[in-house]
């Protein structure tokens, strides 16, 4: 069995085909990431903020709009601040878009899955 690389972390949902495809793409390249199944081990608010900052985007870019709580909570409403949206993601981890790949070269949301290629070593 291959040892996971602690410098490469994949926030992963095994039920998501895009997430599975990114994992397969990494393994085809000989990369075994450290896998964080974020629904079982959700990142805290500080870690979510770090991911957003590392991606250079907005909190809304990491917010999964297809998750049931998104509509139920009315999160499309622009009244919600970034801090409030992060709080919702902590309370409802399913609201985190996936997969997210963290490498020494950067952090990318794998949508489309090819985006992760931008931060792969070598």
PDB file of N, CA and C in Angstrom:
ATOM      1  N   UNK A   1       0.840  -1.191   0.000  1.00  0.00           N
ATOM      2  CA  UNK A   1       0.000   0.000   0.000  1.00  0.00           C
ATOM      3  C   UNK A   1       0.881   1.248   0.000  1.00  0.00           C
ATOM      4  N   UNK A   2       0.471   2.232  -0.755  1.00  0.00           N
ATOM      5  CA  UNK A   2       1.200   3.484  -0.870  1.00  0.00           C
ATOM      6  C   UNK A   2       0.915   4.362   0.334  1.00  0.00           C
ATOM      7  N   UNK A   3       1.941   5.044   0.807  1.00  0.00           N
ATOM      8  CA  UNK A   3       1.780   5.963   1.920  1.00  0.00           C
ATOM      9  C   UNK A   3       1.255   7.291   1.402  1.00  0.00           C
ATOM     10  N   UNK A   4       0.273   7.833   2.101  1.00  0.00           N
ATOM     11  CA  UNK A   4      -0.296   9.121   1.712  1.00  0.00           C
ATOM     12  C   UNK A   4       0.722  10.230   1.932  1.00  0.00           C
ATOM     13  N   UNK A   5       0.753  11.169   1.019  1.00  0.00           N
ATOM     14  CA  UNK A   5       1.642  12.321   1.091  1.00  0.00           C
ATOM     15  C   UNK A   5       0.982  13.381   1.970  1.00  0.00           C
ATOM     16  N   UNK A   6       1.569  13.711   3.121  1.00  0.00           N
ATOM     17  CA  UNK A   6       0.939  14.703   3.998  1.00  0.00           C
ATOM     18  C   UNK A   6       0.924  16.115   3.409  1.00  0.00           C
ATOM     19  N   UNK A   7       1.754  16.367   2.398  1.00  0.00           N
ATOM     20  CA  UNK A   7       1.808  17.692   1.780  1.00  0.00           C
ATOM     21  C   UNK A   7       0.702  17.883   0.743  1.00  0.00           C
ATOM     22  N   UNK A   8       0.016  16.802   0.378  1.00  0.00           N
ATOM     23  CA  UNK A   8      -1.054  16.866  -0.622  1.00  0.00           C
ATOM     24  C   UNK A   8      -2.321  16.337   0.031  1.00  0.00           C
ATOM     25  N   UNK A   9      -3.309  17.216   0.169  1.00  0.00           N
ATOM     26  CA  UNK A   9      -4.543  16.875   0.872  1.00  0.00           C
ATOM     27  C   UNK A   9      -5.727  17.047  -0.067  1.00  0.00           C
ATOM     28  N   UNK A  10      -6.570  16.029  -0.097  1.00  0.00           N
ATOM     29  CA  UNK A  10      -7.782  16.074  -0.904  1.00  0.00           C
ATOM     30  C   UNK A  10      -8.987  16.053   0.020  1.00  0.00           C
ATOM     31  N   UNK A  11      -9.769  17.135  -0.022  1.00  0.00           N
ATOM     32  CA  UNK A  11     -11.053  17.164   0.679  1.00  0.00           C
ATOM     33  C   UNK A  11     -12.025  16.463  -0.253  1.00  0.00           C
ATOM     34  N   UNK A  12     -12.484  15.307   0.190  1.00  0.00           N
ATOM     35  CA  UNK A  12     -13.095  14.317  -0.693  1.00  0.00           C
ATOM     36  C   UNK A  12     -14.442  13.845  -0.180  1.00  0.00           C
ATOM     37  N   UNK A  13     -15.340  13.586  -1.123  1.00  0.00           N
ATOM     38  CA  UNK A  13     -16.607  12.931  -0.823  1.00  0.00           C
ATOM     39  C   UNK A  13     -16.679  11.720  -1.747  1.00  0.00           C
ATOM     40  N   UNK A  14     -16.544  10.505  -1.194  1.00  0.00           N
ATOM     41  CA  UNK A  14     -16.535   9.314  -2.045  1.00  0.00           C
ATOM     42  C   UNK A  14     -17.840   9.084  -2.805  1.00  0.00           C
ATOM     43  N   UNK A  15     -18.916   9.738  -2.404  1.00  0.00           N
ATOM     44  CA  UNK A  15     -20.189   9.599  -3.115  1.00  0.00           C
ATOM     45  C   UNK A  15     -20.270  10.503  -4.344  1.00  0.00           C
ATOM     46  N   UNK A  16     -19.301  11.389  -4.509  1.00  0.00           N
ATOM     47  CA  UNK A  16     -19.302  12.365  -5.610  1.00  0.00           C
ATOM     48  C   UNK A  16     -18.426  11.864  -6.749  1.00  0.00           C
ATOM     49  N   UNK A  17     -18.987  11.770  -7.943  1.00  0.00           N
ATOM     50  CA  UNK A  17     -18.218  11.253  -9.079  1.00  0.00           C
ATOM     51  C   UNK A  17     -17.049  12.175  -9.437  1.00  0.00           C
ATOM     52  N   UNK A  18     -17.220  13.469  -9.355  1.00  0.00           N
ATOM     53  CA  UNK A  18     -16.119  14.381  -9.661  1.00  0.00           C
ATOM     54  C   UNK A  18     -14.984  14.182  -8.661  1.00  0.00           C
ATOM     55  N   UNK A  19     -15.330  14.030  -7.399  1.00  0.00           N
ATOM     56  CA  UNK A  19     -14.320  13.804  -6.373  1.00  0.00           C
ATOM     57  C   UNK A  19     -13.588  12.479  -6.613  1.00  0.00           C
ATOM     58  N   UNK A  20     -14.334  11.444  -6.949  1.00  0.00           N
ATOM     59  CA  UNK A  20     -13.708  10.146  -7.254  1.00  0.00           C
ATOM     60  C   UNK A  20     -12.810  10.247  -8.477  1.00  0.00           C
ATOM     61  N   UNK A  21     -13.242  11.005  -9.476  1.00  0.00           N
ATOM     62  CA  UNK A  21     -12.437  11.164 -10.694  1.00  0.00           C
ATOM     63  C   UNK A  21     -11.135  11.912 -10.409  1.00  0.00           C
ATOM     64  N   UNK A  22     -11.178  12.910  -9.552  1.00  0.00           N
ATOM     65  CA  UNK A  22      -9.958  13.634  -9.192  1.00  0.00           C
ATOM     66  C   UNK A  22      -9.011  12.698  -8.448  1.00  0.00           C
ATOM     67  N   UNK A  23      -9.526  11.918  -7.524  1.00  0.00           N
ATOM     68  CA  UNK A  23      -8.687  10.968  -6.802  1.00  0.00           C
ATOM     69  C   UNK A  23      -8.046   9.970  -7.767  1.00  0.00           C
ATOM     70  N   UNK A  24      -8.809   9.463  -8.703  1.00  0.00           N
ATOM     71  CA  UNK A  24      -8.270   8.526  -9.694  1.00  0.00           C
ATOM     72  C   UNK A  24      -7.194   9.197 -10.550  1.00  0.00           C
ATOM     73  N   UNK A  25      -7.428  10.446 -10.936  1.00  0.00           N
ATOM     74  CA  UNK A  25      -6.468  11.194 -11.749  1.00  0.00           C
ATOM     75  C   UNK A  25      -5.148  11.368 -10.983  1.00  0.00           C
ATOM     76  N   UNK A  26      -5.247  11.665  -9.689  1.00  0.00           N
ATOM     77  CA  UNK A  26      -4.034  11.805  -8.867  1.00  0.00           C
ATOM     78  C   UNK A  26      -3.283  10.484  -8.796  1.00  0.00           C
ATOM     79  N   UNK A  27      -4.006   9.419  -8.537  1.00  0.00           N
ATOM     80  CA  UNK A  27      -3.377   8.102  -8.408  1.00  0.00           C
ATOM     81  C   UNK A  27      -2.751   7.651  -9.719  1.00  0.00           C
ATOM     82  N   UNK A  28      -3.354   7.998 -10.858  1.00  0.00           N
ATOM     83  CA  UNK A  28      -2.771   7.667 -12.160  1.00  0.00           C
ATOM     84  C   UNK A  28      -1.425   8.354 -12.342  1.00  0.00           C
ATOM     85  N   UNK A  29      -1.246   9.478 -11.667  1.00  0.00           N
ATOM     86  CA  UNK A  29       0.009  10.230 -11.740  1.00  0.00           C
ATOM     87  C   UNK A  29       0.972   9.842 -10.621  1.00  0.00           C
ATOM     88  N   UNK A  30       0.624   8.796  -9.887  1.00  0.00           N
ATOM     89  CA  UNK A  30       1.497   8.315  -8.824  1.00  0.00           C
ATOM     90  C   UNK A  30       1.423   9.131  -7.541  1.00  0.00           C
ATOM     91  N   UNK A  31       0.359   9.917  -7.403  1.00  0.00           N
ATOM     92  CA  UNK A  31       0.191  10.758  -6.217  1.00  0.00           C
ATOM     93  C   UNK A  31      -0.873  10.138  -5.320  1.00  0.00           C
ATOM     94  N   UNK A  32      -0.495   9.871  -4.090  1.00  0.00           N
ATOM     95  CA  UNK A  32      -1.457   9.367  -3.105  1.00  0.00           C
ATOM     96  C   UNK A  32      -1.670  10.478  -2.077  1.00  0.00           C
ATOM     97  N   UNK A  33      -2.783  11.209  -2.202  1.00  0.00           N
ATOM     98  CA  UNK A  33      -3.014  12.318  -1.281  1.00  0.00           C
ATOM     99  C   UNK A  33      -3.459  11.827   0.094  1.00  0.00           C
ATOM    100  N   UNK A  34      -3.317  12.691   1.059  1.00  0.00           N
ATOM    101  CA  UNK A  34      -3.971  12.480   2.347  1.00  0.00           C
ATOM    102  C   UNK A  34      -5.433  12.836   2.111  1.00  0.00           C
ATOM    103  N   UNK A  35      -6.315  11.915   2.391  1.00  0.00           N
ATOM    104  CA  UNK A  35      -7.733  12.128   2.099  1.00  0.00           C
ATOM    105  C   UNK A  35      -8.470  12.550   3.361  1.00  0.00           C
ATOM    106  N   UNK A  36      -9.193  13.642   3.235  1.00  0.00           N
ATOM    107  CA  UNK A  36     -10.059  14.104   4.307  1.00  0.00           C
ATOM    108  C   UNK A  36     -11.490  13.968   3.800  1.00  0.00           C
ATOM    109  N   UNK A  37     -12.217  13.009   4.350  1.00  0.00           N
ATOM    110  CA  UNK A  37     -13.631  12.882   4.010  1.00  0.00           C
ATOM    111  C   UNK A  37     -14.363  13.923   4.847  1.00  0.00           C
ATOM    112  N   UNK A  38     -14.574  15.088   4.242  1.00  0.00           N
ATOM    113  CA  UNK A  38     -15.018  16.254   4.995  1.00  0.00           C
ATOM    114  C   UNK A  38     -16.426  16.113   5.576  1.00  0.00           C
ATOM    115  N   UNK A  39     -17.213  15.153   5.090  1.00  0.00           N
ATOM    116  CA  UNK A  39     -18.517  14.939   5.706  1.00  0.00           C
ATOM    117  C   UNK A  39     -18.373  14.194   7.032  1.00  0.00           C
ATOM    118  N   UNK A  40     -17.322  13.373   7.148  1.00  0.00           N
ATOM    119  CA  UNK A  40     -17.042  12.645   8.390  1.00  0.00           C
ATOM    120  C   UNK A  40     -16.163  13.472   9.332  1.00  0.00           C
ATOM    121  N   UNK A  41     -15.237  14.225   8.753  1.00  0.00           N
ATOM    122  CA  UNK A  41     -14.302  15.048   9.521  1.00  0.00           C
ATOM    123  C   UNK A  41     -14.340  16.464   8.945  1.00  0.00           C
ATOM    124  N   UNK A  42     -15.370  17.217   9.278  1.00  0.00           N
ATOM    125  CA  UNK A  42     -15.512  18.554   8.679  1.00  0.00           C
ATOM    126  C   UNK A  42     -14.413  19.513   9.122  1.00  0.00           C
ATOM    127  N   UNK A  43     -13.959  20.339   8.183  1.00  0.00           N
ATOM    128  CA  UNK A  43     -12.989  21.368   8.574  1.00  0.00           C
ATOM    129  C   UNK A  43     -13.703  22.432   9.405  1.00  0.00           C
ATOM    130  N   UNK A  44     -13.003  23.016  10.334  1.00  0.00           N
ATOM    131  CA  UNK A  44     -13.567  24.099  11.128  1.00  0.00           C
ATOM    132  C   UNK A  44     -13.605  25.390  10.330  1.00  0.00           C
ATOM    133  N   UNK A  45     -14.148  26.395  10.943  1.00  0.00           N
ATOM    134  CA  UNK A  45     -14.293  27.690  10.278  1.00  0.00           C
ATOM    135  C   UNK A  45     -12.944  28.275   9.860  1.00  0.00           C
ATOM    136  N   UNK A  46     -11.953  28.171  10.738  1.00  0.00           N
ATOM    137  CA  UNK A  46     -10.631  28.723  10.413  1.00  0.00           C
ATOM    138  C   UNK A  46     -10.041  28.014   9.197  1.00  0.00           C
ATOM    139  N   UNK A  47     -10.189  26.705   9.123  1.00  0.00           N
ATOM    140  CA  UNK A  47      -9.644  25.944   7.987  1.00  0.00           C
ATOM    141  C   UNK A  47     -10.402  26.294   6.702  1.00  0.00           C
ATOM    142  N   UNK A  48     -11.716  26.449   6.793  1.00  0.00           N
ATOM    143  CA  UNK A  48     -12.489  26.842   5.606  1.00  0.00           C
ATOM    144  C   UNK A  48     -12.007  28.195   5.097  1.00  0.00           C
ATOM    145  N   UNK A  49     -11.773  29.126   6.017  1.00  0.00           N
ATOM    146  CA  UNK A  49     -11.280  30.454   5.634  1.00  0.00           C
ATOM    147  C   UNK A  49      -9.906  30.318   4.958  1.00  0.00           C
ATOM    148  N   UNK A  50      -9.035  29.471   5.499  1.00  0.00           N
ATOM    149  CA  UNK A  50      -7.715  29.239   4.889  1.00  0.00           C
ATOM    150  C   UNK A  50      -7.852  28.696   3.473  1.00  0.00           C
ATOM    151  N   UNK A  51      -8.766  27.765   3.272  1.00  0.00           N
ATOM    152  CA  UNK A  51      -8.976  27.192   1.936  1.00  0.00           C
ATOM    153  C   UNK A  51      -9.448  28.259   0.958  1.00  0.00           C
ATOM    154  N   UNK A  52     -10.422  29.062   1.380  1.00  0.00           N
ATOM    155  CA  UNK A  52     -10.930  30.141   0.522  1.00  0.00           C
ATOM    156  C   UNK A  52      -9.802  31.113   0.176  1.00  0.00           C
ATOM    157  N   UNK A  53      -9.044  31.521   1.195  1.00  0.00           N
ATOM    158  CA  UNK A  53      -7.943  32.464   0.962  1.00  0.00           C
ATOM    159  C   UNK A  53      -6.893  31.863   0.022  1.00  0.00           C
ATOM    160  N   UNK A  54      -6.580  30.581   0.221  1.00  0.00           N
ATOM    161  CA  UNK A  54      -5.565  29.924  -0.620  1.00  0.00           C
ATOM    162  C   UNK A  54      -6.030  29.790  -2.066  1.00  0.00           C
ATOM    163  N   UNK A  55      -7.338  29.676  -2.265  1.00  0.00           N
ATOM    164  CA  UNK A  55      -7.864  29.586  -3.633  1.00  0.00           C
ATOM    165  C   UNK A  55      -7.965  30.962  -4.277  1.00  0.00           C
ATOM    166  N   UNK A  56      -7.864  32.006  -3.464  1.00  0.00           N
ATOM    167  CA  UNK A  56      -7.930  33.365  -4.004  1.00  0.00           C
ATOM    168  C   UNK A  56      -9.312  33.725  -4.506  1.00  0.00           C
ATOM    169  N   UNK A  57     -10.311  33.042  -4.003  1.00  0.00           N
ATOM    170  CA  UNK A  57     -11.665  33.317  -4.451  1.00  0.00           C
ATOM    171  C   UNK A  57     -12.520  33.853  -3.332  1.00  0.00           C
ATOM    172  N   UNK A  58     -13.803  33.624  -3.486  1.00  0.00           N
ATOM    173  CA  UNK A  58     -14.750  34.082  -2.487  1.00  0.00           C
ATOM    174  C   UNK A  58     -15.289  32.891  -1.708  1.00  0.00           C
ATOM    175  N   UNK A  59     -15.888  33.176  -0.578  1.00  0.00           N
ATOM    176  CA  UNK A  59     -16.531  32.120   0.195  1.00  0.00           C
ATOM    177  C   UNK A  59     -17.617  31.460  -0.646  1.00  0.00           C
ATOM    178  N   UNK A  60     -18.325  32.245  -1.406  1.00  0.00           N
ATOM    179  CA  UNK A  60     -19.405  31.684  -2.244  1.00  0.00           C
ATOM    180  C   UNK A  60     -18.871  30.683  -3.270  1.00  0.00           C
ATOM    181  N   UNK A  61     -17.608  30.826  -3.684  1.00  0.00           N
ATOM    182  CA  UNK A  61     -17.023  29.878  -4.636  1.00  0.00           C
ATOM    183  C   UNK A  61     -16.867  28.489  -4.014  1.00  0.00           C
ATOM    184  N   UNK A  62     -16.786  28.425  -2.697  1.00  0.00           N
ATOM    185  CA  UNK A  62     -16.636  27.148  -1.998  1.00  0.00           C
ATOM    186  C   UNK A  62     -17.986  26.625  -1.502  1.00  0.00           C
ATOM    187  N   UNK A  63     -19.041  27.378  -1.750  1.00  0.00           N
ATOM    188  CA  UNK A  63     -20.379  27.027  -1.274  1.00  0.00           C
ATOM    189  C   UNK A  63     -21.103  26.184  -2.318  1.00  0.00           C
ATOM    190  N   UNK A  64     -21.529  25.002  -1.904  1.00  0.00           N
ATOM    191  CA  UNK A  64     -22.237  24.092  -2.804  1.00  0.00           C
ATOM    192  C   UNK A  64     -23.705  24.491  -2.893  1.00  0.00           C
ATOM    193  N   UNK A  65     -24.093  24.981  -4.061  1.00  0.00           N
ATOM    194  CA  UNK A  65     -25.458  25.476  -4.241  1.00  0.00           C
ATOM    195  C   UNK A  65     -26.466  24.353  -4.501  1.00  0.00           C
ATOM    196  N   UNK A  66     -25.972  23.160  -4.835  1.00  0.00           N
ATOM    197  CA  UNK A  66     -26.873  22.034  -5.122  1.00  0.00           C
ATOM    198  C   UNK A  66     -27.253  21.252  -3.867  1.00  0.00           C
ATOM    199  N   UNK A  67     -26.665  21.594  -2.734  1.00  0.00           N
ATOM    200  CA  UNK A  67     -26.984  20.891  -1.486  1.00  0.00           C
ATOM    201  C   UNK A  67     -28.327  21.380  -0.951  1.00  0.00           C
ATOM    202  N   UNK A  68     -29.099  20.461  -0.406  1.00  0.00           N
ATOM    203  CA  UNK A  68     -30.438  20.787   0.084  1.00  0.00           C
ATOM    204  C   UNK A  68     -30.462  21.983   1.045  1.00  0.00           C
ATOM    205  N   UNK A  69     -29.539  22.071   2.004  1.00  0.00           N
ATOM    206  CA  UNK A  69     -29.621  23.203   2.933  1.00  0.00           C
ATOM    207  C   UNK A  69     -29.468  24.566   2.264  1.00  0.00           C
ATOM    208  N   UNK A  70     -28.836  24.608   1.090  1.00  0.00           N
ATOM    209  CA  UNK A  70     -28.612  25.892   0.412  1.00  0.00           C
ATOM    210  C   UNK A  70     -29.937  26.611   0.176  1.00  0.00           C
ATOM    211  N   UNK A  71     -30.892  25.912  -0.422  1.00  0.00           N
ATOM    212  CA  UNK A  71     -32.199  26.520  -0.680  1.00  0.00           C
ATOM    213  C   UNK A  71     -32.999  26.688   0.591  1.00  0.00           C
ATOM    214  N   UNK A  72     -32.977  25.661   1.447  1.00  0.00           N
ATOM    215  CA  UNK A  72     -33.750  25.706   2.686  1.00  0.00           C
ATOM    216  C   UNK A  72     -33.363  26.896   3.554  1.00  0.00           C
ATOM    217  N   UNK A  73     -32.081  27.233   3.567  1.00  0.00           N
ATOM    218  CA  UNK A  73     -31.583  28.331   4.391  1.00  0.00           C
ATOM    219  C   UNK A  73     -31.598  29.678   3.659  1.00  0.00           C
ATOM    220  N   UNK A  74     -31.956  29.656   2.378  1.00  0.00           N
ATOM    221  CA  UNK A  74     -32.001  30.895   1.607  1.00  0.00           C
ATOM    222  C   UNK A  74     -30.632  31.516   1.395  1.00  0.00           C
ATOM    223  N   UNK A  75     -29.628  30.673   1.151  1.00  0.00           N
ATOM    224  CA  UNK A  75     -28.254  31.172   1.069  1.00  0.00           C
ATOM    225  C   UNK A  75     -27.932  31.920  -0.226  1.00  0.00           C
ATOM    226  N   UNK A  76     -28.834  31.893  -1.192  1.00  0.00           N
ATOM    227  CA  UNK A  76     -28.610  32.674  -2.407  1.00  0.00           C
ATOM    228  C   UNK A  76     -28.768  34.169  -2.124  1.00  0.00           C
ATOM    229  N   UNK A  77     -29.436  34.499  -1.043  1.00  0.00           N
ATOM    230  CA  UNK A  77     -29.671  35.888  -0.668  1.00  0.00           C
ATOM    231  C   UNK A  77     -28.336  36.572  -0.367  1.00  0.00           C
ATOM    232  N   UNK A  78     -28.070  37.706  -1.041  1.00  0.00           N
ATOM    233  CA  UNK A  78     -26.791  38.395  -0.829  1.00  0.00           C
ATOM    234  C   UNK A  78     -26.641  39.005   0.564  1.00  0.00           C
ATOM    235  N   UNK A  79     -27.672  38.933   1.388  1.00  0.00           N
ATOM    236  CA  UNK A  79     -27.591  39.505   2.745  1.00  0.00           C
ATOM    237  C   UNK A  79     -26.583  38.775   3.636  1.00  0.00           C
ATOM    238  N   UNK A  80     -26.275  37.513   3.293  1.00  0.00           N
ATOM    239  CA  UNK A  80     -25.383  36.720   4.133  1.00  0.00           C
ATOM    240  C   UNK A  80     -23.942  37.172   3.946  1.00  0.00           C
ATOM    241  N   UNK A  81     -23.250  37.423   5.046  1.00  0.00           N
ATOM    242  CA  UNK A  81     -21.841  37.808   4.991  1.00  0.00           C
ATOM    243  C   UNK A  81     -20.993  36.547   4.803  1.00  0.00           C
ATOM    244  N   UNK A  82     -19.732  36.755   4.457  1.00  0.00           N
ATOM    245  CA  UNK A  82     -18.816  35.624   4.339  1.00  0.00           C
ATOM    246  C   UNK A  82     -18.732  34.857   5.654  1.00  0.00           C
ATOM    247  N   UNK A  83     -18.671  35.584   6.761  1.00  0.00           N
ATOM    248  CA  UNK A  83     -18.571  34.929   8.065  1.00  0.00           C
ATOM    249  C   UNK A  83     -19.809  34.072   8.337  1.00  0.00           C
ATOM    250  N   UNK A  84     -20.967  34.580   7.992  1.00  0.00           N
ATOM    251  CA  UNK A  84     -22.198  33.806   8.182  1.00  0.00           C
ATOM    252  C   UNK A  84     -22.205  32.575   7.288  1.00  0.00           C
ATOM    253  N   UNK A  85     -21.765  32.731   6.046  1.00  0.00           N
ATOM    254  CA  UNK A  85     -21.719  31.586   5.125  1.00  0.00           C
ATOM    255  C   UNK A  85     -20.755  30.517   5.637  1.00  0.00           C
ATOM    256  N   UNK A  86     -19.614  30.944   6.166  1.00  0.00           N
ATOM    257  CA  UNK A  86     -18.672  29.982   6.745  1.00  0.00           C
ATOM    258  C   UNK A  86     -19.313  29.254   7.928  1.00  0.00           C
ATOM    259  N   UNK A  87     -20.055  29.986   8.745  1.00  0.00           N
ATOM    260  CA  UNK A  87     -20.756  29.357   9.870  1.00  0.00           C
ATOM    261  C   UNK A  87     -21.738  28.300   9.371  1.00  0.00           C
ATOM    262  N   UNK A  88     -22.462  28.604   8.302  1.00  0.00           N
ATOM    263  CA  UNK A  88     -23.400  27.628   7.740  1.00  0.00           C
ATOM    264  C   UNK A  88     -22.654  26.384   7.244  1.00  0.00           C
ATOM    265  N   UNK A  89     -21.477  26.582   6.624  1.00  0.00           N
ATOM    266  CA  UNK A  89     -20.697  25.437   6.136  1.00  0.00           C
ATOM    267  C   UNK A  89     -20.185  24.580   7.288  1.00  0.00           C
ATOM    268  N   UNK A  90     -19.874  25.205   8.411  1.00  0.00           N
ATOM    269  CA  UNK A  90     -19.452  24.442   9.581  1.00  0.00           C
ATOM    270  C   UNK A  90     -20.629  23.626  10.123  1.00  0.00           C
ATOM    271  N   UNK A  91     -21.808  24.250  10.172  1.00  0.00           N
ATOM    272  CA  UNK A  91     -23.004  23.574  10.679  1.00  0.00           C
ATOM    273  C   UNK A  91     -23.494  22.489   9.729  1.00  0.00           C
ATOM    274  N   UNK A  92     -23.295  22.711   8.432  1.00  0.00           N
ATOM    275  CA  UNK A  92     -23.777  21.792   7.392  1.00  0.00           C
ATOM    276  C   UNK A  92     -22.630  21.511   6.420  1.00  0.00           C
ATOM    277  N   UNK A  93     -21.735  20.581   6.742  1.00  0.00           N
ATOM    278  CA  UNK A  93     -20.563  20.320   5.890  1.00  0.00           C
ATOM    279  C   UNK A  93     -20.912  19.988   4.441  1.00  0.00           C
ATOM    280  N   UNK A  94     -22.114  19.495   4.192  1.00  0.00           N
ATOM    281  CA  UNK A  94     -22.518  19.180   2.824  1.00  0.00           C
ATOM    282  C   UNK A  94     -22.533  20.444   1.948  1.00  0.00           C
ATOM    283  N   UNK A  95     -22.523  21.612   2.569  1.00  0.00           N
ATOM    284  CA  UNK A  95     -22.503  22.866   1.825  1.00  0.00           C
ATOM    285  C   UNK A  95     -21.128  23.196   1.241  1.00  0.00           C
ATOM    286  N   UNK A  96     -20.103  22.435   1.615  1.00  0.00           N
ATOM    287  CA  UNK A  96     -18.768  22.664   1.059  1.00  0.00           C
ATOM    288  C   UNK A  96     -18.671  22.002  -0.313  1.00  0.00           C
ATOM    289  N   UNK A  97     -18.320  22.800  -1.310  1.00  0.00           N
ATOM    290  CA  UNK A  97     -18.134  22.262  -2.658  1.00  0.00           C
ATOM    291  C   UNK A  97     -16.915  21.356  -2.663  1.00  0.00           C
ATOM    292  N   UNK A  98     -16.932  20.364  -3.504  1.00  0.00           N
ATOM    293  CA  UNK A  98     -15.840  19.391  -3.546  1.00  0.00           C
ATOM    294  C   UNK A  98     -15.534  18.997  -4.977  1.00  0.00           C
ATOM    295  N   UNK A  99     -14.381  18.405  -5.156  1.00  0.00           N
ATOM    296  CA  UNK A  99     -13.261  18.199  -4.245  1.00  0.00           C
ATOM    297  C   UNK A  99     -12.371  19.435  -4.181  1.00  0.00           C
ATOM    298  N   UNK A 100     -11.638  19.555  -3.104  1.00  0.00           N
ATOM    299  CA  UNK A 100     -10.653  20.629  -2.957  1.00  0.00           C
ATOM    300  C   UNK A 100      -9.302  19.956  -2.754  1.00  0.00           C
ATOM    301  N   UNK A 101      -8.333  20.340  -3.571  1.00  0.00           N
ATOM    302  CA  UNK A 101      -6.981  19.779  -3.481  1.00  0.00           C
ATOM    303  C   UNK A 101      -6.021  20.848  -2.987  1.00  0.00           C
ATOM    304  N   UNK A 102      -5.256  20.486  -1.958  1.00  0.00           N
ATOM    305  CA  UNK A 102      -4.240  21.364  -1.385  1.00  0.00           C
ATOM    306  C   UNK A 102      -2.882  20.722  -1.650  1.00  0.00           C
ATOM    307  N   UNK A 103      -1.971  21.465  -2.281  1.00  0.00           N
ATOM    308  CA  UNK A 103      -0.610  20.991  -2.522  1.00  0.00           C
ATOM    309  C   UNK A 103       0.355  22.128  -2.162  1.00  0.00           C
ATOM    310  N   UNK A 104       1.653  21.839  -2.115  1.00  0.00           N
ATOM    311  CA  UNK A 104       2.608  22.923  -1.863  1.00  0.00           C
ATOM    312  C   UNK A 104       2.558  24.017  -2.938  1.00  0.00           C
ATOM    313  N   UNK A 105       1.987  23.704  -4.084  1.00  0.00           N
ATOM    314  CA  UNK A 105       1.919  24.676  -5.185  1.00  0.00           C
ATOM    315  C   UNK A 105       0.643  25.486  -5.200  1.00  0.00           C
ATOM    316  N   UNK A 106      -0.297  25.170  -4.310  1.00  0.00           N
ATOM    317  CA  UNK A 106      -1.537  25.934  -4.260  1.00  0.00           C
ATOM    318  C   UNK A 106      -2.735  25.067  -3.900  1.00  0.00           C
ATOM    319  N   UNK A 107      -3.896  25.703  -3.917  1.00  0.00           N
ATOM    320  CA  UNK A 107      -5.156  25.062  -3.563  1.00  0.00           C
ATOM    321  C   UNK A 107      -6.153  25.321  -4.679  1.00  0.00           C
ATOM    322  N   UNK A 108      -6.838  24.265  -5.102  1.00  0.00           N
ATOM    323  CA  UNK A 108      -7.818  24.404  -6.175  1.00  0.00           C
ATOM    324  C   UNK A 108      -9.068  23.590  -5.881  1.00  0.00           C
ATOM    325  N   UNK A 109     -10.198  24.147  -6.295  1.00  0.00           N
ATOM    326  CA  UNK A 109     -11.456  23.419  -6.316  1.00  0.00           C
ATOM    327  C   UNK A 109     -11.456  22.618  -7.604  1.00  0.00           C
ATOM    328  N   UNK A 110     -11.728  21.335  -7.516  1.00  0.00           N
ATOM    329  CA  UNK A 110     -11.674  20.459  -8.684  1.00  0.00           C
ATOM    330  C   UNK A 110     -12.935  20.487  -9.527  1.00  0.00           C
ATOM    331  N   UNK A 111     -13.369  21.662  -9.909  1.00  0.00           N
ATOM    332  CA  UNK A 111     -14.520  21.807 -10.797  1.00  0.00           C
ATOM    333  C   UNK A 111     -14.177  22.830 -11.858  1.00  0.00           C
ATOM    334  N   UNK A 112     -13.949  22.447 -13.090  1.00  0.00           N
ATOM    335  CA  UNK A 112     -13.871  21.061 -13.542  1.00  0.00           C
ATOM    336  C   UNK A 112     -12.634  20.376 -12.951  1.00  0.00           C
ATOM    337  N   UNK A 113     -12.626  19.068 -13.033  1.00  0.00           N
ATOM    338  CA  UNK A 113     -11.582  18.283 -12.364  1.00  0.00           C
ATOM    339  C   UNK A 113     -10.173  18.648 -12.830  1.00  0.00           C
ATOM    340  N   UNK A 114     -10.049  19.123 -14.058  1.00  0.00           N
ATOM    341  CA  UNK A 114      -8.733  19.485 -14.615  1.00  0.00           C
ATOM    342  C   UNK A 114      -8.097  20.669 -13.889  1.00  0.00           C
ATOM    343  N   UNK A 115      -8.888  21.443 -13.145  1.00  0.00           N
ATOM    344  CA  UNK A 115      -8.342  22.589 -12.408  1.00  0.00           C
ATOM    345  C   UNK A 115      -7.245  22.168 -11.435  1.00  0.00           C
ATOM    346  N   UNK A 116      -7.341  20.939 -10.911  1.00  0.00           N
ATOM    347  CA  UNK A 116      -6.332  20.498  -9.930  1.00  0.00           C
ATOM    348  C   UNK A 116      -4.961  20.314 -10.584  1.00  0.00           C
ATOM    349  N   UNK A 117      -4.925  20.127 -11.896  1.00  0.00           N
ATOM    350  CA  UNK A 117      -3.643  19.961 -12.585  1.00  0.00           C
ATOM    351  C   UNK A 117      -2.739  21.178 -12.400  1.00  0.00           C
ATOM    352  N   UNK A 118      -3.341  22.346 -12.180  1.00  0.00           N
ATOM    353  CA  UNK A 118      -2.587  23.599 -12.020  1.00  0.00           C
ATOM    354  C   UNK A 118      -1.685  23.570 -10.793  1.00  0.00           C
ATOM    355  N   UNK A 119      -1.992  22.735  -9.813  1.00  0.00           N
ATOM    356  CA  UNK A 119      -1.230  22.747  -8.556  1.00  0.00           C
ATOM    357  C   UNK A 119      -0.533  21.412  -8.271  1.00  0.00           C
ATOM    358  N   UNK A 120      -0.431  20.573  -9.290  1.00  0.00           N
ATOM    359  CA  UNK A 120       0.259  19.294  -9.096  1.00  0.00           C
ATOM    360  C   UNK A 120       1.759  19.460  -9.283  1.00  0.00           C
ATOM    361  N   UNK A 121       2.545  18.851  -8.406  1.00  0.00           N
ATOM    362  CA  UNK A 121       3.997  18.935  -8.566  1.00  0.00           C
ATOM    363  C   UNK A 121       4.477  18.156  -9.783  1.00  0.00           C
ATOM    364  N   UNK A 122       5.586  18.622 -10.346  1.00  0.00           N
ATOM    365  CA  UNK A 122       6.292  17.931 -11.416  1.00  0.00           C
ATOM    366  C   UNK A 122       5.471  17.633 -12.578  1.00  0.00           C
TER     367      UNK A 122
END
